[in-house]
PDB file of all heavy atoms in Angstrom:
ATOM      1  N   LYS A   1     173.078  24.425 -95.072  1.00  0.00           N
ATOM      2  CA  LYS A   1     172.639  23.788 -93.835  1.00  0.00           C
ATOM      3  C   LYS A   1     172.224  24.825 -92.799  1.00  0.00           C
ATOM      4  O   LYS A   1     171.311  24.582 -92.009  1.00  0.00           O
ATOM      5  CB  LYS A   1     173.744  22.906 -93.278  1.00  0.00           C
ATOM      6  CG  LYS A   1     174.016  21.684 -94.106  1.00  0.00           C
ATOM      7  CD  LYS A   1     175.120  20.859 -93.490  1.00  0.00           C
ATOM      8  CE  LYS A   1     175.422  19.670 -94.366  1.00  0.00           C
ATOM      9  NZ  LYS A   1     176.520  18.862 -93.823  1.00  0.00           N
ATOM     10  N   ILE A   2     172.874  25.972 -92.806  1.00  0.00           N
ATOM     11  CA  ILE A   2     172.536  27.021 -91.844  1.00  0.00           C
ATOM     12  C   ILE A   2     171.149  27.583 -92.147  1.00  0.00           C
ATOM     13  O   ILE A   2     170.390  27.897 -91.226  1.00  0.00           O
ATOM     14  CB  ILE A   2     173.618  28.127 -91.827  1.00  0.00           C
ATOM     15  CG1 ILE A   2     173.434  29.040 -90.619  1.00  0.00           C
ATOM     16  CG2 ILE A   2     173.598  28.946 -93.083  1.00  0.00           C
ATOM     17  CD1 ILE A   2     173.910  28.464 -89.347  1.00  0.00           C
ATOM     18  N   HIS A   3     170.773  27.662 -93.448  1.00  0.00           N
ATOM     19  CA  HIS A   3     169.436  28.118 -93.804  1.00  0.00           C
ATOM     20  C   HIS A   3     168.377  27.130 -93.321  1.00  0.00           C
ATOM     21  O   HIS A   3     167.330  27.529 -92.805  1.00  0.00           O
ATOM     22  CB  HIS A   3     169.320  28.312 -95.320  1.00  0.00           C
ATOM     23  CG  HIS A   3     170.089  29.469 -95.820  1.00  0.00           C
ATOM     24  ND1 HIS A   3     171.237  29.319 -96.542  1.00  0.00           N
ATOM     25  CD2 HIS A   3     169.892  30.800 -95.688  1.00  0.00           C
ATOM     26  CE1 HIS A   3     171.717  30.501 -96.851  1.00  0.00           C
ATOM     27  NE2 HIS A   3     170.911  31.435 -96.332  1.00  0.00           N
ATOM     28  N   LEU A   4     168.630  25.866 -93.495  1.00  0.00           N
ATOM     29  CA  LEU A   4     167.710  24.839 -93.025  1.00  0.00           C
ATOM     30  C   LEU A   4     167.573  24.890 -91.505  1.00  0.00           C
ATOM     31  O   LEU A   4     166.466  24.787 -90.968  1.00  0.00           O
ATOM     32  CB  LEU A   4     168.195  23.458 -93.475  1.00  0.00           C
ATOM     33  CG  LEU A   4     167.311  22.286 -93.068  1.00  0.00           C
ATOM     34  CD1 LEU A   4     165.937  22.417 -93.696  1.00  0.00           C
ATOM     35  CD2 LEU A   4     167.970  20.983 -93.481  1.00  0.00           C
ATOM     36  N   PHE A   5     168.670  25.080 -90.822  1.00  0.00           N
ATOM     37  CA  PHE A   5     168.643  25.183 -89.367  1.00  0.00           C
ATOM     38  C   PHE A   5     167.775  26.356 -88.915  1.00  0.00           C
ATOM     39  O   PHE A   5     166.931  26.226 -88.033  1.00  0.00           O
ATOM     40  CB  PHE A   5     170.069  25.337 -88.823  1.00  0.00           C
ATOM     41  CG  PHE A   5     170.112  25.650 -87.363  1.00  0.00           C
ATOM     42  CD1 PHE A   5     169.842  24.664 -86.430  1.00  0.00           C
ATOM     43  CD2 PHE A   5     170.409  26.933 -86.929  1.00  0.00           C
ATOM     44  CE1 PHE A   5     169.875  24.950 -85.076  1.00  0.00           C
ATOM     45  CE2 PHE A   5     170.447  27.226 -85.581  1.00  0.00           C
ATOM     46  CZ  PHE A   5     170.173  26.228 -84.647  1.00  0.00           C
ATOM     47  N   PHE A   6     167.955  27.529 -89.540  1.00  0.00           N
ATOM     48  CA  PHE A   6     167.160  28.692 -89.155  1.00  0.00           C
ATOM     49  C   PHE A   6     165.693  28.537 -89.529  1.00  0.00           C
ATOM     50  O   PHE A   6     164.811  28.999 -88.815  1.00  0.00           O
ATOM     51  CB  PHE A   6     167.738  29.968 -89.763  1.00  0.00           C
ATOM     52  CG  PHE A   6     168.936  30.478 -89.021  1.00  0.00           C
ATOM     53  CD1 PHE A   6     170.158  30.613 -89.650  1.00  0.00           C
ATOM     54  CD2 PHE A   6     168.845  30.805 -87.673  1.00  0.00           C
ATOM     55  CE1 PHE A   6     171.261  31.077 -88.968  1.00  0.00           C
ATOM     56  CE2 PHE A   6     169.943  31.265 -86.982  1.00  0.00           C
ATOM     57  CZ  PHE A   6     171.160  31.397 -87.624  1.00  0.00           C
ATOM     58  N   PHE A   7     165.403  27.859 -90.631  1.00  0.00           N
ATOM     59  CA  PHE A   7     164.012  27.615 -91.009  1.00  0.00           C
ATOM     60  C   PHE A   7     163.326  26.727 -89.987  1.00  0.00           C
ATOM     61  O   PHE A   7     162.204  27.005 -89.559  1.00  0.00           O
ATOM     62  CB  PHE A   7     163.943  26.984 -92.406  1.00  0.00           C
ATOM     63  CG  PHE A   7     162.556  26.602 -92.793  1.00  0.00           C
ATOM     64  CD1 PHE A   7     161.647  27.575 -93.167  1.00  0.00           C
ATOM     65  CD2 PHE A   7     162.151  25.283 -92.771  1.00  0.00           C
ATOM     66  CE1 PHE A   7     160.350  27.237 -93.525  1.00  0.00           C
ATOM     67  CE2 PHE A   7     160.866  24.934 -93.118  1.00  0.00           C
ATOM     68  CZ  PHE A   7     159.970  25.916 -93.500  1.00  0.00           C
ATOM     69  N   ILE A   8     163.987  25.656 -89.582  1.00  0.00           N
ATOM     70  CA  ILE A   8     163.422  24.753 -88.573  1.00  0.00           C
ATOM     71  C   ILE A   8     163.267  25.479 -87.238  1.00  0.00           C
ATOM     72  O   ILE A   8     162.255  25.332 -86.550  1.00  0.00           O
ATOM     73  CB  ILE A   8     164.291  23.490 -88.443  1.00  0.00           C
ATOM     74  CG1 ILE A   8     164.206  22.671 -89.734  1.00  0.00           C
ATOM     75  CG2 ILE A   8     163.875  22.663 -87.242  1.00  0.00           C
ATOM     76  CD1 ILE A   8     165.174  21.528 -89.809  1.00  0.00           C
ATOM     77  N   LEU A   9     164.232  26.283 -86.888  1.00  0.00           N
ATOM     78  CA  LEU A   9     164.149  27.062 -85.654  1.00  0.00           C
ATOM     79  C   LEU A   9     162.987  28.047 -85.708  1.00  0.00           C
ATOM     80  O   LEU A   9     162.209  28.164 -84.753  1.00  0.00           O
ATOM     81  CB  LEU A   9     165.468  27.800 -85.423  1.00  0.00           C
ATOM     82  CG  LEU A   9     165.553  28.626 -84.140  1.00  0.00           C
ATOM     83  CD1 LEU A   9     165.513  27.697 -82.935  1.00  0.00           C
ATOM     84  CD2 LEU A   9     166.819  29.453 -84.143  1.00  0.00           C
ATOM     85  N   LEU A  10     162.833  28.745 -86.825  1.00  0.00           N
ATOM     86  CA  LEU A  10     161.735  29.692 -86.979  1.00  0.00           C
ATOM     87  C   LEU A  10     160.390  28.984 -86.935  1.00  0.00           C
ATOM     88  O   LEU A  10     159.446  29.453 -86.301  1.00  0.00           O
ATOM     89  CB  LEU A  10     161.881  30.451 -88.303  1.00  0.00           C
ATOM     90  CG  LEU A  10     160.807  31.490 -88.600  1.00  0.00           C
ATOM     91  CD1 LEU A  10     160.935  32.658 -87.628  1.00  0.00           C
ATOM     92  CD2 LEU A  10     160.921  31.975 -90.030  1.00  0.00           C
ATOM     93  N   PHE A  11     160.282  27.850 -87.585  1.00  0.00           N
ATOM     94  CA  PHE A  11     159.043  27.071 -87.571  1.00  0.00           C
ATOM     95  C   PHE A  11     158.711  26.621 -86.154  1.00  0.00           C
ATOM     96  O   PHE A  11     157.574  26.709 -85.713  1.00  0.00           O
ATOM     97  CB  PHE A  11     159.188  25.858 -88.498  1.00  0.00           C
ATOM     98  CG  PHE A  11     157.946  25.028 -88.584  1.00  0.00           C
ATOM     99  CD1 PHE A  11     156.894  25.443 -89.372  1.00  0.00           C
ATOM    100  CD2 PHE A  11     157.838  23.842 -87.886  1.00  0.00           C
ATOM    101  CE1 PHE A  11     155.745  24.686 -89.472  1.00  0.00           C
ATOM    102  CE2 PHE A  11     156.705  23.079 -87.965  1.00  0.00           C
ATOM    103  CZ  PHE A  11     155.653  23.495 -88.762  1.00  0.00           C
ATOM    104  N   GLY A  12     159.697  26.141 -85.447  1.00  0.00           N
ATOM    105  CA  GLY A  12     159.483  25.668 -84.076  1.00  0.00           C
ATOM    106  C   GLY A  12     159.131  26.777 -83.109  1.00  0.00           C
ATOM    107  O   GLY A  12     158.418  26.554 -82.127  1.00  0.00           O
ATOM    108  N   VAL A  13     159.601  27.981 -83.365  1.00  0.00           N
ATOM    109  CA  VAL A  13     159.342  29.096 -82.452  1.00  0.00           C
ATOM    110  C   VAL A  13     158.000  29.770 -82.754  1.00  0.00           C
ATOM    111  O   VAL A  13     157.344  30.258 -81.844  1.00  0.00           O
ATOM    112  CB  VAL A  13     160.501  30.120 -82.547  1.00  0.00           C
ATOM    113  CG1 VAL A  13     160.178  31.401 -81.820  1.00  0.00           C
ATOM    114  CG2 VAL A  13     161.772  29.516 -81.989  1.00  0.00           C
ATOM    115  N   THR A  14     157.556  29.786 -84.011  1.00  0.00           N
ATOM    116  CA  THR A  14     156.342  30.528 -84.362  1.00  0.00           C
ATOM    117  C   THR A  14     155.115  29.644 -84.556  1.00  0.00           C
ATOM    118  O   THR A  14     154.085  29.857 -83.934  1.00  0.00           O
ATOM    119  CB  THR A  14     156.574  31.352 -85.639  1.00  0.00           C
ATOM    120  OG1 THR A  14     156.964  30.467 -86.689  1.00  0.00           O
ATOM    121  CG2 THR A  14     157.619  32.405 -85.424  1.00  0.00           C
ATOM    122  N   ILE A  15     155.179  28.662 -85.396  1.00  0.00           N
ATOM    123  CA  ILE A  15     154.004  27.888 -85.795  1.00  0.00           C
ATOM    124  C   ILE A  15     153.570  26.898 -84.716  1.00  0.00           C
ATOM    125  O   ILE A  15     152.390  26.842 -84.366  1.00  0.00           O
ATOM    126  CB  ILE A  15     154.272  27.128 -87.111  1.00  0.00           C
ATOM    127  CG1 ILE A  15     154.713  28.088 -88.211  1.00  0.00           C
ATOM    128  CG2 ILE A  15     153.062  26.322 -87.527  1.00  0.00           C
ATOM    129  CD1 ILE A  15     153.673  29.114 -88.597  1.00  0.00           C
ATOM    130  N   LEU A  16     154.483  26.139 -84.195  1.00  0.00           N
ATOM    131  CA  LEU A  16     154.104  25.099 -83.234  1.00  0.00           C
ATOM    132  C   LEU A  16     153.490  25.646 -81.949  1.00  0.00           C
ATOM    133  O   LEU A  16     152.476  25.125 -81.493  1.00  0.00           O
ATOM    134  CB  LEU A  16     155.307  24.198 -82.940  1.00  0.00           C
ATOM    135  CG  LEU A  16     155.798  23.381 -84.141  1.00  0.00           C
ATOM    136  CD1 LEU A  16     157.021  22.576 -83.746  1.00  0.00           C
ATOM    137  CD2 LEU A  16     154.708  22.481 -84.662  1.00  0.00           C
ATOM    138  N   PRO A  17     154.019  26.704 -81.327  1.00  0.00           N
ATOM    139  CA  PRO A  17     153.354  27.229 -80.136  1.00  0.00           C
ATOM    140  C   PRO A  17     151.963  27.800 -80.433  1.00  0.00           C
ATOM    141  O   PRO A  17     151.058  27.677 -79.622  1.00  0.00           O
ATOM    142  CB  PRO A  17     154.283  28.329 -79.649  1.00  0.00           C
ATOM    143  CG  PRO A  17     155.606  27.996 -80.207  1.00  0.00           C
ATOM    144  CD  PRO A  17     155.327  27.335 -81.512  1.00  0.00           C
ATOM    145  N   ALA A  18     151.784  28.408 -81.597  1.00  0.00           N
ATOM    146  CA  ALA A  18     150.467  28.943 -81.947  1.00  0.00           C
ATOM    147  C   ALA A  18     149.466  27.820 -82.131  1.00  0.00           C
ATOM    148  O   ALA A  18     148.303  27.937 -81.748  1.00  0.00           O
ATOM    149  CB  ALA A  18     150.568  29.775 -83.219  1.00  0.00           C
ATOM    150  N   ARG A  19     149.904  26.709 -82.670  1.00  0.00           N
ATOM    151  CA  ARG A  19     149.010  25.577 -82.862  1.00  0.00           C
ATOM    152  C   ARG A  19     148.597  24.974 -81.522  1.00  0.00           C
ATOM    153  O   ARG A  19     147.460  24.561 -81.348  1.00  0.00           O
ATOM    154  CB  ARG A  19     149.707  24.536 -83.712  1.00  0.00           C
ATOM    155  CG  ARG A  19     148.838  23.362 -84.065  1.00  0.00           C
ATOM    156  CD  ARG A  19     149.685  22.259 -84.618  1.00  0.00           C
ATOM    157  NE  ARG A  19     149.386  22.002 -85.995  1.00  0.00           N
ATOM    158  CZ  ARG A  19     150.101  21.226 -86.754  1.00  0.00           C
ATOM    159  NH1 ARG A  19     151.199  20.683 -86.280  1.00  0.00           N
ATOM    160  NH2 ARG A  19     149.755  20.987 -87.989  1.00  0.00           N
ATOM    161  N   LYS A  20     149.501  24.932 -80.574  1.00  0.00           N
ATOM    162  CA  LYS A  20     149.181  24.400 -79.248  1.00  0.00           C
ATOM    163  C   LYS A  20     148.303  25.357 -78.456  1.00  0.00           C
ATOM    164  O   LYS A  20     147.448  24.935 -77.692  1.00  0.00           O
ATOM    165  CB  LYS A  20     150.464  24.120 -78.476  1.00  0.00           C
ATOM    166  CG  LYS A  20     151.265  22.970 -79.025  1.00  0.00           C
ATOM    167  CD  LYS A  20     152.563  22.805 -78.268  1.00  0.00           C
ATOM    168  CE  LYS A  20     153.435  21.765 -78.932  1.00  0.00           C
ATOM    169  NZ  LYS A  20     154.751  21.675 -78.294  1.00  0.00           N
ATOM    170  N   LYS A  21     148.509  26.644 -78.644  1.00  0.00           N
ATOM    171  CA  LYS A  21     147.772  27.639 -77.867  1.00  0.00           C
ATOM    172  C   LYS A  21     146.348  27.835 -78.390  1.00  0.00           C
ATOM    173  O   LYS A  21     145.434  28.069 -77.617  1.00  0.00           O
ATOM    174  CB  LYS A  21     148.530  28.968 -77.901  1.00  0.00           C
ATOM    175  CG  LYS A  21     148.005  29.986 -76.930  1.00  0.00           C
ATOM    176  CD  LYS A  21     148.908  31.191 -76.878  1.00  0.00           C
ATOM    177  CE  LYS A  21     148.425  32.192 -75.861  1.00  0.00           C
ATOM    178  NZ  LYS A  21     149.272  33.382 -75.826  1.00  0.00           N
ATOM    179  N   PHE A  22     146.156  27.759 -79.708  1.00  0.00           N
ATOM    180  CA  PHE A  22     144.848  27.972 -80.317  1.00  0.00           C
ATOM    181  C   PHE A  22     144.464  26.777 -81.195  1.00  0.00           C
ATOM    182  O   PHE A  22     144.455  26.870 -82.412  1.00  0.00           O
ATOM    183  CB  PHE A  22     144.849  29.240 -81.175  1.00  0.00           C
ATOM    184  CG  PHE A  22     145.224  30.472 -80.421  1.00  0.00           C
ATOM    185  CD1 PHE A  22     146.458  31.067 -80.606  1.00  0.00           C
ATOM    186  CD2 PHE A  22     144.350  31.038 -79.520  1.00  0.00           C
ATOM    187  CE1 PHE A  22     146.807  32.206 -79.920  1.00  0.00           C
ATOM    188  CE2 PHE A  22     144.684  32.177 -78.822  1.00  0.00           C
ATOM    189  CZ  PHE A  22     145.913  32.767 -79.016  1.00  0.00           C
ATOM    190  N   PRO A  23     144.105  25.635 -80.614  1.00  0.00           N
ATOM    191  CA  PRO A  23     143.785  24.459 -81.439  1.00  0.00           C
ATOM    192  C   PRO A  23     142.459  24.583 -82.159  1.00  0.00           C
ATOM    193  O   PRO A  23     142.192  23.861 -83.108  1.00  0.00           O
ATOM    194  CB  PRO A  23     143.750  23.327 -80.421  1.00  0.00           C
ATOM    195  CG  PRO A  23     143.384  23.987 -79.145  1.00  0.00           C
ATOM    196  CD  PRO A  23     144.022  25.346 -79.198  1.00  0.00           C
ATOM    197  N   GLN A  24     141.586  25.495 -81.729  1.00  0.00           N
ATOM    198  CA  GLN A  24     140.270  25.594 -82.338  1.00  0.00           C
ATOM    199  C   GLN A  24     140.306  26.205 -83.736  1.00  0.00           C
ATOM    200  O   GLN A  24     139.397  26.004 -84.521  1.00  0.00           O
ATOM    201  CB  GLN A  24     139.309  26.384 -81.454  1.00  0.00           C
ATOM    202  CG  GLN A  24     139.662  27.844 -81.269  1.00  0.00           C
ATOM    203  CD  GLN A  24     140.568  28.101 -80.092  1.00  0.00           C
ATOM    204  OE1 GLN A  24     141.246  27.216 -79.600  1.00  0.00           O
ATOM    205  NE2 GLN A  24     140.587  29.338 -79.621  1.00  0.00           N
ATOM    206  N   TYR A  25     141.344  26.961 -84.058  1.00  0.00           N
ATOM    207  CA  TYR A  25     141.418  27.561 -85.379  1.00  0.00           C
ATOM    208  C   TYR A  25     141.896  26.547 -86.398  1.00  0.00           C
ATOM    209  O   TYR A  25     142.866  25.856 -86.198  1.00  0.00           O
ATOM    210  CB  TYR A  25     142.352  28.770 -85.373  1.00  0.00           C
ATOM    211  CG  TYR A  25     141.837  29.898 -84.532  1.00  0.00           C
ATOM    212  CD1 TYR A  25     142.455  30.239 -83.344  1.00  0.00           C
ATOM    213  CD2 TYR A  25     140.718  30.600 -84.912  1.00  0.00           C
ATOM    214  CE1 TYR A  25     141.986  31.269 -82.561  1.00  0.00           C
ATOM    215  CE2 TYR A  25     140.233  31.622 -84.142  1.00  0.00           C
ATOM    216  CZ  TYR A  25     140.868  31.963 -82.972  1.00  0.00           C
ATOM    217  OH  TYR A  25     140.389  32.967 -82.206  1.00  0.00           O
ATOM    218  N   GLY A  26     141.187  26.470 -87.505  1.00  0.00           N
ATOM    219  CA  GLY A  26     141.563  25.550 -88.560  1.00  0.00           C
ATOM    220  C   GLY A  26     141.006  24.157 -88.400  1.00  0.00           C
ATOM    221  O   GLY A  26     141.166  23.329 -89.267  1.00  0.00           O
ATOM    222  N   SER A  27     140.299  23.873 -87.324  1.00  0.00           N
ATOM    223  CA  SER A  27     139.765  22.537 -87.117  1.00  0.00           C
ATOM    224  C   SER A  27     138.245  22.530 -87.054  1.00  0.00           C
ATOM    225  O   SER A  27     137.656  21.582 -86.592  1.00  0.00           O
ATOM    226  CB  SER A  27     140.332  21.944 -85.828  1.00  0.00           C
ATOM    227  OG  SER A  27     139.924  22.725 -84.722  1.00  0.00           O
ATOM    228  N   VAL A  28     137.583  23.586 -87.523  1.00  0.00           N
ATOM    229  CA  VAL A  28     136.135  23.670 -87.483  1.00  0.00           C
ATOM    230  C   VAL A  28     135.564  23.069 -88.758  1.00  0.00           C
ATOM    231  O   VAL A  28     135.931  23.467 -89.862  1.00  0.00           O
ATOM    232  CB  VAL A  28     135.671  25.139 -87.337  1.00  0.00           C
ATOM    233  CG1 VAL A  28     134.162  25.226 -87.374  1.00  0.00           C
ATOM    234  CG2 VAL A  28     136.200  25.723 -86.053  1.00  0.00           C
ATOM    235  N   ASP A  29     134.678  22.094 -88.612  1.00  0.00           N
ATOM    236  CA  ASP A  29     133.992  21.492 -89.754  1.00  0.00           C
ATOM    237  C   ASP A  29     132.678  22.239 -89.937  1.00  0.00           C
ATOM    238  O   ASP A  29     131.718  22.009 -89.204  1.00  0.00           O
ATOM    239  CB  ASP A  29     133.765  20.015 -89.499  1.00  0.00           C
ATOM    240  CG  ASP A  29     133.193  19.300 -90.700  1.00  0.00           C
ATOM    241  OD1 ASP A  29     133.067  19.933 -91.768  1.00  0.00           O
ATOM    242  OD2 ASP A  29     132.869  18.112 -90.577  1.00  0.00           O
ATOM    243  N   MET A  30     132.642  23.156 -90.892  1.00  0.00           N
ATOM    244  CA  MET A  30     131.461  23.997 -91.074  1.00  0.00           C
ATOM    245  C   MET A  30     130.243  23.206 -91.518  1.00  0.00           C
ATOM    246  O   MET A  30     129.124  23.550 -91.193  1.00  0.00           O
ATOM    247  CB  MET A  30     131.762  25.105 -92.089  1.00  0.00           C
ATOM    248  CG  MET A  30     132.756  26.120 -91.593  1.00  0.00           C
ATOM    249  SD  MET A  30     132.237  26.933 -90.071  1.00  0.00           S
ATOM    250  CE  MET A  30     130.912  27.947 -90.668  1.00  0.00           C
ATOM    251  N   ARG A  31     130.447  22.119 -92.243  1.00  0.00           N
ATOM    252  CA  ARG A  31     129.303  21.294 -92.667  1.00  0.00           C
ATOM    253  C   ARG A  31     128.636  20.645 -91.461  1.00  0.00           C
ATOM    254  O   ARG A  31     127.418  20.643 -91.342  1.00  0.00           O
ATOM    255  CB  ARG A  31     129.767  20.245 -93.657  1.00  0.00           C
ATOM    256  CG  ARG A  31     128.647  19.392 -94.152  1.00  0.00           C
ATOM    257  CD  ARG A  31     129.123  18.380 -95.175  1.00  0.00           C
ATOM    258  NE  ARG A  31     127.987  18.016 -95.975  1.00  0.00           N
ATOM    259  CZ  ARG A  31     128.023  17.788 -97.243  1.00  0.00           C
ATOM    260  NH1 ARG A  31     129.145  17.881 -97.890  1.00  0.00           N
ATOM    261  NH2 ARG A  31     126.942  17.454 -97.895  1.00  0.00           N
ATOM    262  N   ARG A  32     129.437  20.135 -90.553  1.00  0.00           N
ATOM    263  CA  ARG A  32     128.882  19.503 -89.353  1.00  0.00           C
ATOM    264  C   ARG A  32     128.201  20.540 -88.466  1.00  0.00           C
ATOM    265  O   ARG A  32     127.134  20.286 -87.908  1.00  0.00           O
ATOM    266  CB  ARG A  32     129.985  18.780 -88.585  1.00  0.00           C
ATOM    267  CG  ARG A  32     129.471  18.048 -87.378  1.00  0.00           C
ATOM    268  CD  ARG A  32     130.509  17.195 -86.708  1.00  0.00           C
ATOM    269  NE  ARG A  32     131.782  17.887 -86.596  1.00  0.00           N
ATOM    270  CZ  ARG A  32     132.955  17.284 -86.562  1.00  0.00           C
ATOM    271  NH1 ARG A  32     133.014  15.982 -86.645  1.00  0.00           N
ATOM    272  NH2 ARG A  32     134.064  17.972 -86.452  1.00  0.00           N
ATOM    273  N   GLU A  33     128.789  21.728 -88.361  1.00  0.00           N
ATOM    274  CA  GLU A  33     128.173  22.786 -87.568  1.00  0.00           C
ATOM    275  C   GLU A  33     126.844  23.235 -88.183  1.00  0.00           C
ATOM    276  O   GLU A  33     125.902  23.547 -87.459  1.00  0.00           O
ATOM    277  CB  GLU A  33     129.116  23.982 -87.453  1.00  0.00           C
ATOM    278  CG  GLU A  33     130.381  23.681 -86.675  1.00  0.00           C
ATOM    279  CD  GLU A  33     130.117  23.364 -85.217  1.00  0.00           C
ATOM    280  OE1 GLU A  33     129.198  23.961 -84.627  1.00  0.00           O
ATOM    281  OE2 GLU A  33     130.821  22.502 -84.677  1.00  0.00           O
ATOM    282  N   CYS A  34     126.764  23.254 -89.493  1.00  0.00           N
ATOM    283  CA  CYS A  34     125.523  23.634 -90.167  1.00  0.00           C
ATOM    284  C   CYS A  34     124.431  22.603 -89.899  1.00  0.00           C
ATOM    285  O   CYS A  34     123.304  22.965 -89.571  1.00  0.00           O
ATOM    286  CB  CYS A  34     125.766  23.768 -91.662  1.00  0.00           C
ATOM    287  SG  CYS A  34     124.312  24.234 -92.610  1.00  0.00           S
ATOM    288  N   VAL A  35     124.762  21.328 -90.027  1.00  0.00           N
ATOM    289  CA  VAL A  35     123.774  20.270 -89.794  1.00  0.00           C
ATOM    290  C   VAL A  35     123.367  20.229 -88.331  1.00  0.00           C
ATOM    291  O   VAL A  35     122.197  20.006 -88.005  1.00  0.00           O
ATOM    292  CB  VAL A  35     124.333  18.910 -90.272  1.00  0.00           C
ATOM    293  CG1 VAL A  35     123.429  17.773 -89.873  1.00  0.00           C
ATOM    294  CG2 VAL A  35     124.532  18.936 -91.776  1.00  0.00           C
ATOM    295  N   LYS A  36     124.309  20.496 -87.423  1.00  0.00           N
ATOM    296  CA  LYS A  36     123.992  20.508 -85.999  1.00  0.00           C
ATOM    297  C   LYS A  36     123.017  21.635 -85.660  1.00  0.00           C
ATOM    298  O   LYS A  36     122.221  21.511 -84.746  1.00  0.00           O
ATOM    299  CB  LYS A  36     125.276  20.651 -85.180  1.00  0.00           C
ATOM    300  CG  LYS A  36     125.069  20.349 -83.716  1.00  0.00           C
ATOM    301  CD  LYS A  36     126.301  20.208 -82.858  1.00  0.00           C
ATOM    302  CE  LYS A  36     127.568  20.817 -83.247  1.00  0.00           C
ATOM    303  NZ  LYS A  36     128.610  20.716 -82.217  1.00  0.00           N
ATOM    304  N   GLY A  37     123.060  22.720 -86.406  1.00  0.00           N
ATOM    305  CA  GLY A  37     122.148  23.844 -86.203  1.00  0.00           C
ATOM    306  C   GLY A  37     120.879  23.732 -87.035  1.00  0.00           C
ATOM    307  O   GLY A  37     120.233  24.728 -87.319  1.00  0.00           O
ATOM    308  N   ASN A  38     120.523  22.517 -87.469  1.00  0.00           N
ATOM    309  CA  ASN A  38     119.333  22.235 -88.286  1.00  0.00           C
ATOM    310  C   ASN A  38     119.367  22.948 -89.627  1.00  0.00           C
ATOM    311  O   ASN A  38     118.347  23.397 -90.135  1.00  0.00           O
ATOM    312  CB  ASN A  38     118.041  22.583 -87.534  1.00  0.00           C
ATOM    313  CG  ASN A  38     117.809  21.658 -86.371  1.00  0.00           C
ATOM    314  OD1 ASN A  38     118.230  20.518 -86.391  1.00  0.00           O
ATOM    315  ND2 ASN A  38     117.154  22.163 -85.345  1.00  0.00           N
ATOM    316  N   GLY A  39     120.535  23.073 -90.211  1.00  0.00           N
ATOM    317  CA  GLY A  39     120.683  23.676 -91.527  1.00  0.00           C
ATOM    318  C   GLY A  39     121.024  22.625 -92.564  1.00  0.00           C
ATOM    319  O   GLY A  39     121.252  21.459 -92.249  1.00  0.00           O
ATOM    320  N   ARG A  40     121.034  23.035 -93.822  1.00  0.00           N
ATOM    321  CA  ARG A  40     121.413  22.155 -94.915  1.00  0.00           C
ATOM    322  C   ARG A  40     122.368  22.893 -95.830  1.00  0.00           C
ATOM    323  O   ARG A  40     122.189  24.081 -96.093  1.00  0.00           O
ATOM    324  CB  ARG A  40     120.177  21.732 -95.709  1.00  0.00           C
ATOM    325  CG  ARG A  40     119.258  20.847 -94.895  1.00  0.00           C
ATOM    326  CD  ARG A  40     118.024  20.461 -95.660  1.00  0.00           C
ATOM    327  NE  ARG A  40     118.379  19.802 -96.903  1.00  0.00           N
ATOM    328  CZ  ARG A  40     117.519  19.554 -97.876  1.00  0.00           C
ATOM    329  NH1 ARG A  40     116.268  19.925 -97.743  1.00  0.00           N
ATOM    330  NH2 ARG A  40     117.906  18.959 -98.982  1.00  0.00           N
ATOM    331  N   CYS A  41     123.363  22.197 -96.326  1.00  0.00           N
ATOM    332  CA  CYS A  41     124.332  22.792 -97.247  1.00  0.00           C
ATOM    333  C   CYS A  41     123.796  22.670 -98.670  1.00  0.00           C
ATOM    334  O   CYS A  41     123.527  21.574 -99.154  1.00  0.00           O
ATOM    335  CB  CYS A  41     125.670  22.083 -97.133  1.00  0.00           C
ATOM    336  SG  CYS A  41     126.469  22.332 -95.550  1.00  0.00           S
ATOM    337  N   LYS A  42     123.632  23.817 -99.322  1.00  0.00           N
ATOM    338  CA  LYS A  42     123.109  23.857-100.688  1.00  0.00           C
ATOM    339  C   LYS A  42     123.890  24.890-101.489  1.00  0.00           C
ATOM    340  O   LYS A  42     124.607  25.700-100.940  1.00  0.00           O
ATOM    341  CB  LYS A  42     121.636  24.276-100.682  1.00  0.00           C
ATOM    342  CG  LYS A  42     120.705  23.384 -99.929  1.00  0.00           C
ATOM    343  CD  LYS A  42     119.312  23.956-100.076  1.00  0.00           C
ATOM    344  CE  LYS A  42     118.318  23.275 -99.197  1.00  0.00           C
ATOM    345  NZ  LYS A  42     116.997  23.902 -99.321  1.00  0.00           N
TER     346      LYS A  42
END
């Protein structure tokens, strides 16, 4: 149980704040960006 507690604590301290601070990373749809720039995916 202590390992699970530290894992949840580590996850809450590292991953969640980074996700809130930098939401643009990991959420870019490259296909939509290509079509928006008059490109085609081939």
